[in-house]
């Protein structure tokens, strides 16, 4: 599991992406995104903010989470 910022964590289990939130003591929410749902989310984000967001624009700042493949 990897901290990505704002109390959110991400993990991968098989072909699913798991997002969790924590209040500092315990996991408070857990969302499992199956591949089809993740693809839909990625398409939505690309359509809505794709021109304003690029992974290259996000600094590799450990205090805000980090990107593995930079």
C-alpha atoms as a PDB file:
ATOM      1  CA  UNK A   1       0.000   0.000   0.000  1.00  0.00           C
ATOM      2  CA  UNK A   2       1.281   3.455  -0.893  1.00  0.00           C
ATOM      3  CA  UNK A   3       0.278   6.832   0.518  1.00  0.00           C
ATOM      4  CA  UNK A   4      -0.790   9.186  -2.282  1.00  0.00           C
ATOM      5  CA  UNK A   5      -1.794  12.231  -0.216  1.00  0.00           C
ATOM      6  CA  UNK A   6      -4.851  13.710   1.529  1.00  0.00           C
ATOM      7  CA  UNK A   7      -5.247  10.624   3.734  1.00  0.00           C
ATOM      8  CA  UNK A   8      -5.579   8.363   0.678  1.00  0.00           C
ATOM      9  CA  UNK A   9      -3.696   5.172  -0.117  1.00  0.00           C
ATOM     10  CA  UNK A  10      -3.522   3.012  -3.237  1.00  0.00           C
ATOM     11  CA  UNK A  11      -2.711  -0.652  -3.676  1.00  0.00           C
ATOM     12  CA  UNK A  12      -3.007  -3.226  -6.451  1.00  0.00           C
ATOM     13  CA  UNK A  13      -4.500  -6.659  -5.937  1.00  0.00           C
ATOM     14  CA  UNK A  14      -4.352  -8.756  -9.074  1.00  0.00           C
ATOM     15  CA  UNK A  15      -5.966  -6.638 -11.759  1.00  0.00           C
ATOM     16  CA  UNK A  16      -7.870  -4.363  -9.348  1.00  0.00           C
ATOM     17  CA  UNK A  17      -6.817  -0.999  -7.942  1.00  0.00           C
ATOM     18  CA  UNK A  18      -7.742  -0.508  -4.292  1.00  0.00           C
ATOM     19  CA  UNK A  19      -8.184   2.988  -2.871  1.00  0.00           C
ATOM     20  CA  UNK A  20      -8.486   3.436   0.882  1.00  0.00           C
ATOM     21  CA  UNK A  21      -8.713   6.370   3.244  1.00  0.00           C
ATOM     22  CA  UNK A  22      -7.570   6.557   6.829  1.00  0.00           C
ATOM     23  CA  UNK A  23      -8.291   8.806   9.774  1.00  0.00           C
ATOM     24  CA  UNK A  24      -4.836   8.068  11.172  1.00  0.00           C
ATOM     25  CA  UNK A  25      -6.059   5.196  13.326  1.00  0.00           C
ATOM     26  CA  UNK A  26      -7.979   2.914  11.004  1.00  0.00           C
ATOM     27  CA  UNK A  27      -9.078   2.472   7.417  1.00  0.00           C
ATOM     28  CA  UNK A  28     -12.292   4.425   7.025  1.00  0.00           C
ATOM     29  CA  UNK A  29     -13.206   3.700   3.388  1.00  0.00           C
ATOM     30  CA  UNK A  30     -12.223   1.087   0.809  1.00  0.00           C
ATOM     31  CA  UNK A  31     -13.003   1.199  -2.904  1.00  0.00           C
ATOM     32  CA  UNK A  32     -12.011  -1.651  -5.230  1.00  0.00           C
ATOM     33  CA  UNK A  33     -11.826  -0.565  -8.865  1.00  0.00           C
ATOM     34  CA  UNK A  34     -12.094  -3.446 -11.317  1.00  0.00           C
ATOM     35  CA  UNK A  35     -10.306  -2.949 -14.660  1.00  0.00           C
ATOM     36  CA  UNK A  36     -13.450  -1.833 -16.502  1.00  0.00           C
ATOM     37  CA  UNK A  37     -14.275   0.749 -13.812  1.00  0.00           C
ATOM     38  CA  UNK A  38     -10.691   2.024 -13.730  1.00  0.00           C
ATOM     39  CA  UNK A  39     -10.745   2.387 -17.514  1.00  0.00           C
ATOM     40  CA  UNK A  40     -14.004   4.365 -17.303  1.00  0.00           C
ATOM     41  CA  UNK A  41     -12.545   6.601 -14.571  1.00  0.00           C
ATOM     42  CA  UNK A  42      -9.402   7.215 -16.608  1.00  0.00           C
ATOM     43  CA  UNK A  43     -11.471   8.072 -19.693  1.00  0.00           C
ATOM     44  CA  UNK A  44     -13.604  10.469 -17.601  1.00  0.00           C
ATOM     45  CA  UNK A  45     -10.536  12.209 -16.151  1.00  0.00           C
ATOM     46  CA  UNK A  46      -8.941  12.476 -19.574  1.00  0.00           C
ATOM     47  CA  UNK A  47     -12.100  14.044 -21.017  1.00  0.00           C
ATOM     48  CA  UNK A  48     -12.577  16.470 -18.109  1.00  0.00           C
ATOM     49  CA  UNK A  49      -9.034  17.526 -17.224  1.00  0.00           C
ATOM     50  CA  UNK A  50      -6.746  15.708 -19.648  1.00  0.00           C
ATOM     51  CA  UNK A  51      -5.505  18.893 -21.272  1.00  0.00           C
ATOM     52  CA  UNK A  52      -4.647  20.365 -17.846  1.00  0.00           C
ATOM     53  CA  UNK A  53      -3.034  17.321 -16.255  1.00  0.00           C
ATOM     54  CA  UNK A  54      -0.008  15.300 -17.157  1.00  0.00           C
ATOM     55  CA  UNK A  55       1.910  12.906 -14.924  1.00  0.00           C
ATOM     56  CA  UNK A  56       5.032  14.735 -16.044  1.00  0.00           C
ATOM     57  CA  UNK A  57       3.650  17.894 -14.385  1.00  0.00           C
ATOM     58  CA  UNK A  58       3.314  16.261 -10.959  1.00  0.00           C
ATOM     59  CA  UNK A  59       6.453  16.659  -8.826  1.00  0.00           C
ATOM     60  CA  UNK A  60       7.852  13.554  -7.171  1.00  0.00           C
ATOM     61  CA  UNK A  61       7.241  14.938  -3.670  1.00  0.00           C
ATOM     62  CA  UNK A  62       7.217  12.304  -0.893  1.00  0.00           C
ATOM     63  CA  UNK A  63       5.049  14.540   1.301  1.00  0.00           C
ATOM     64  CA  UNK A  64       2.258  14.344  -1.325  1.00  0.00           C
ATOM     65  CA  UNK A  65       2.738  10.723  -2.318  1.00  0.00           C
ATOM     66  CA  UNK A  66       5.056   9.566  -5.037  1.00  0.00           C
ATOM     67  CA  UNK A  67       4.934   8.247  -8.545  1.00  0.00           C
ATOM     68  CA  UNK A  68       6.644   4.888  -8.981  1.00  0.00           C
ATOM     69  CA  UNK A  69       7.550   4.990 -12.657  1.00  0.00           C
ATOM     70  CA  UNK A  70       9.199   8.387 -12.950  1.00  0.00           C
END
